[in-house]
Amino acid sequence: MTRVRAEDYEEKKQIIIDKAAALIAKKGFDVATMLDVAKACGASKSHLYHYFPSKEDLLYAIVHDYITHQAADLTRILKQPLPAEQRFGLFVDSFVQGAARARNEHVILMNDLKFLPRAQREHIYKLEVEMTQMMEGLLREINPRLMAEERLQTPYALLLFGMMIWTFTWYRRSGSISPKELALRISELFVNGFKAQPPTLLKT
């Protein structure tokens, strides 16, 4: 007989993902154990295995949910009937705000993909490539001349993602620069260069 899922199944699953993300981001996937996660959740290991058959499946759920949300945001923003530079700014803001809120997931995506089984790891890489290609298209809209040379298209997109991704090895949203201001400064720096006038910051 098929086991019927409880009404709060998804809610409990998300709690496990959130607790596991905090633990793995702090200790590393290779050090954190399912018993550690179970203790953090106030549950048993068997309870965890009801939701995730293995520690690798739990890791995959964490990074897959996170990058899928990023890709969906980029797709949604690109479809908006706005000038290319405005869409660019919206995406950078969305990425930075999301990474600031979900710093644990962001750190895990940077550090722990190597522990996934090959098929799952390649699926995450595929999503990253799709995002890079979407960004290449947006950068071509902003500066067709600069992006005309094919060999430079991917490097420019990766330079942007690299700037944003590695920012969160040091950035804390509780610091003196808010996520919104940080996103604006990244957008202005990337599009206009370091010698440009500083961006006008809106008071909130």
Protein backbone atom coordinates (compact mmCIF):
# COMPACT_ATOMS: atom_id res chain seq x y z
CA MET A 1 0.00 0.00 0.00
CA THR A 2 1.35 3.44 -0.97
CA ARG A 3 2.15 5.65 2.00
CA VAL A 4 0.13 8.88 1.97
CA ARG A 5 2.16 12.04 2.53
CA ALA A 6 1.25 14.18 5.51
CA GLU A 7 -0.19 17.62 4.78
CA ASP A 8 2.89 19.26 6.27
CA TYR A 9 5.33 17.09 4.30
CA GLU A 10 6.73 19.95 2.19
CA GLU A 11 6.97 22.26 5.21
CA LYS A 12 8.96 19.69 7.17
CA LYS A 13 11.14 18.97 4.14
CA GLN A 14 11.98 22.67 3.83
CA ILE A 15 12.90 22.85 7.52
CA ILE A 16 15.37 20.00 6.99
CA ILE A 17 16.84 21.74 3.94
CA ASP A 18 17.24 25.03 5.83
CA LYS A 19 18.83 23.41 8.89
CA ALA A 20 21.10 21.27 6.75
CA ALA A 21 22.19 24.27 4.66
CA ALA A 22 23.23 26.18 7.79
CA LEU A 23 25.14 23.18 9.11
CA ILE A 24 26.88 22.24 5.84
CA ALA A 25 27.83 25.86 5.07
CA LYS A 26 29.50 26.05 8.49
CA LYS A 27 31.16 22.62 8.71
CA GLY A 28 31.47 21.52 5.08
CA PHE A 29 29.63 18.65 3.41
CA ASP A 30 32.42 16.16 4.04
CA VAL A 31 32.40 16.87 7.80
CA ALA A 32 28.69 17.33 8.50
CA THR A 33 26.79 14.07 9.01
CA MET A 34 23.15 13.10 8.73
CA LEU A 35 23.20 12.62 12.50
CA ASP A 36 24.34 16.25 12.86
CA VAL A 37 21.46 17.35 10.63
CA ALA A 38 18.99 15.22 12.56
CA LYS A 39 20.12 16.76 15.86
CA ALA A 40 19.81 20.26 14.38
CA CYS A 41 16.24 19.41 13.33
CA GLY A 42 15.39 17.77 16.65
CA ALA A 43 14.62 14.57 14.77
CA SER A 44 15.98 11.08 14.22
CA LYS A 45 18.15 9.93 11.32
CA SER A 46 15.32 7.67 10.15
CA HIS A 47 13.06 10.73 10.00
CA LEU A 48 15.58 12.44 7.66
CA TYR A 49 15.85 9.37 5.43
CA HIS A 50 12.08 9.51 4.96
CA TYR A 51 12.65 12.78 3.07
CA PHE A 52 16.14 12.24 1.65
CA PRO A 53 17.48 8.74 0.92
CA SER A 54 21.10 9.92 1.25
CA LYS A 55 23.21 12.88 2.31
CA GLU A 56 23.97 13.51 -1.38
CA ASP A 57 20.24 13.75 -2.14
CA LEU A 58 19.95 16.35 0.61
CA LEU A 59 22.87 18.31 -0.85
CA TYR A 60 21.30 18.15 -4.30
CA ALA A 61 17.98 19.47 -2.97
CA ILE A 62 19.77 22.44 -1.38
CA VAL A 63 21.74 23.53 -4.45
CA HIS A 64 19.07 22.62 -7.00
CA ASP A 65 16.36 24.68 -5.29
CA TYR A 66 18.73 27.63 -4.98
CA ILE A 67 20.04 27.74 -8.56
CA THR A 68 16.63 26.95 -10.05
CA HIS A 69 15.26 30.03 -8.30
CA GLN A 70 18.15 32.13 -9.67
CA ALA A 71 17.56 30.87 -13.22
CA ALA A 72 13.82 31.52 -12.95
CA ASP A 73 14.50 35.08 -11.79
CA LEU A 74 16.85 35.75 -14.71
CA THR A 75 14.35 34.31 -17.19
CA ARG A 76 11.50 36.40 -15.74
CA ILE A 77 13.56 39.60 -15.79
CA LEU A 78 14.83 39.07 -19.34
CA LYS A 79 11.25 38.81 -20.59
CA GLN A 80 10.26 42.21 -19.22
CA PRO A 81 9.72 44.97 -21.84
CA LEU A 82 12.45 47.19 -20.39
CA PRO A 83 15.76 48.59 -21.71
CA ALA A 84 18.64 46.12 -21.51
CA GLU A 85 20.58 48.09 -18.88
CA GLN A 86 17.52 48.28 -16.67
CA ARG A 87 16.95 44.52 -16.93
CA PHE A 88 20.64 44.02 -16.16
CA GLY A 89 20.32 46.11 -13.00
CA LEU A 90 17.20 44.23 -11.94
CA PHE A 91 18.92 40.89 -12.30
CA VAL A 92 22.04 41.93 -10.40
CA ASP A 93 19.79 43.27 -7.63
CA SER A 94 17.79 40.02 -7.58
CA PHE A 95 20.96 37.89 -7.49
CA VAL A 96 22.62 39.91 -4.73
CA GLN A 97 19.49 40.16 -2.60
CA GLY A 98 18.89 36.43 -3.00
CA ALA A 99 22.48 35.50 -2.15
CA ALA A 100 22.39 37.79 0.89
CA ARG A 101 19.20 36.11 2.14
CA ALA A 102 20.39 32.58 1.34
CA ARG A 103 24.09 32.88 2.08
CA ASN A 104 24.30 29.30 3.35
CA GLU A 105 22.98 27.89 0.08
CA HIS A 106 25.25 30.22 -1.87
CA VAL A 107 28.37 29.05 0.02
CA ILE A 108 27.40 25.40 -0.50
CA LEU A 109 26.93 25.95 -4.23
CA MET A 110 30.45 27.36 -4.40
CA ASN A 111 32.19 24.76 -2.24
CA ASP A 112 30.39 21.43 -2.25
CA LEU A 113 29.20 20.55 -5.77
CA LYS A 114 32.14 18.15 -6.09
CA PHE A 115 30.45 15.81 -3.60
CA LEU A 116 27.39 15.25 -5.79
CA PRO A 117 27.06 12.13 -7.96
CA ARG A 118 28.07 12.85 -11.55
CA ALA A 119 24.53 13.01 -13.00
CA GLN A 120 23.31 15.45 -10.36
CA ARG A 121 26.47 17.54 -10.59
CA GLU A 122 26.18 17.79 -14.37
CA HIS A 123 22.55 18.89 -14.07
CA ILE A 124 23.59 21.78 -11.81
CA TYR A 125 26.38 22.69 -14.24
CA LYS A 126 23.83 22.66 -17.08
CA LEU A 127 21.69 25.20 -15.22
CA GLU A 128 24.77 27.36 -14.64
CA VAL A 129 25.64 27.24 -18.35
CA GLU A 130 22.08 28.23 -19.26
CA MET A 131 22.30 31.24 -16.95
CA THR A 132 25.65 32.21 -18.46
CA GLN A 133 24.18 32.04 -21.96
CA MET A 134 21.22 34.20 -20.95
CA MET A 135 23.59 36.77 -19.50
CA GLU A 136 25.68 36.72 -22.69
CA GLY A 137 22.54 37.65 -24.63
CA LEU A 138 21.76 40.51 -22.27
CA LEU A 139 25.32 41.85 -22.47
CA ARG A 140 25.13 41.72 -26.27
CA GLU A 141 22.07 43.97 -26.06
CA ILE A 142 23.95 46.43 -23.84
CA ASN A 143 27.10 46.56 -25.98
CA PRO A 144 26.84 44.69 -29.31
CA ARG A 145 30.25 45.92 -30.47
CA LEU A 146 32.09 44.65 -27.40
CA MET A 147 30.29 41.30 -27.54
CA ALA A 148 30.71 40.85 -31.31
CA GLU A 149 33.82 38.71 -30.88
CA GLU A 150 32.58 35.23 -29.94
CA ARG A 151 35.63 34.28 -27.88
CA LEU A 152 34.90 37.16 -25.46
CA GLN A 153 31.20 36.52 -24.88
CA THR A 154 31.41 33.82 -22.22
CA PRO A 155 34.35 35.44 -20.37
CA TYR A 156 32.43 38.70 -19.97
CA ALA A 157 29.39 36.88 -18.58
CA LEU A 158 31.58 34.83 -16.24
CA LEU A 159 33.40 37.94 -15.05
CA LEU A 160 30.07 39.31 -13.87
CA PHE A 161 28.99 36.09 -12.18
CA GLY A 162 32.44 35.71 -10.65
CA MET A 163 32.26 39.22 -9.18
CA MET A 164 28.87 38.51 -7.61
CA ILE A 165 29.53 34.95 -6.48
CA TRP A 166 32.85 35.58 -4.73
CA THR A 167 31.54 38.75 -3.11
CA PHE A 168 29.72 36.51 -0.65
CA THR A 169 32.92 35.03 0.72
CA TRP A 170 33.33 38.34 2.60
CA TYR A 171 30.06 40.26 2.37
CA ARG A 172 27.63 40.38 5.28
CA ARG A 173 24.23 42.03 4.89
CA SER A 174 24.54 43.39 8.44
CA GLY A 175 27.53 45.53 7.40
CA SER A 176 27.65 49.15 6.29
CA ILE A 177 26.58 48.43 2.69
CA SER A 178 23.03 47.16 2.18
CA PRO A 179 22.37 44.43 -0.42
CA LYS A 180 20.50 46.94 -2.60
CA GLU A 181 23.39 49.42 -2.54
CA LEU A 182 25.89 46.63 -3.21
CA ALA A 183 23.86 45.46 -6.23
CA LEU A 184 23.71 49.01 -7.60
CA ARG A 185 27.45 49.48 -7.22
CA ILE A 186 28.17 46.15 -8.93
CA SER A 187 25.88 47.09 -11.84
CA GLU A 188 27.45 50.52 -12.26
CA LEU A 189 30.99 49.18 -11.94
CA PHE A 190 30.45 46.45 -14.50
CA VAL A 191 28.56 48.51 -17.07
CA ASN A 192 30.28 51.89 -16.72
CA GLY A 193 33.71 51.12 -15.28
CA PHE A 194 35.63 52.25 -12.23
CA LYS A 195 36.36 55.76 -13.58
CA ALA A 196 32.69 56.59 -14.02
CA GLN A 197 30.82 58.88 -11.67
CA PRO A 198 29.50 57.12 -8.53
CA PRO A 199 25.88 55.95 -8.79
CA THR A 200 23.10 58.01 -7.28
CA LEU A 201 21.82 56.11 -4.27
CA LEU A 202 18.14 56.44 -3.45
CA LYS A 203 17.34 56.95 0.20
CA THR A 204 15.05 54.26 1.60
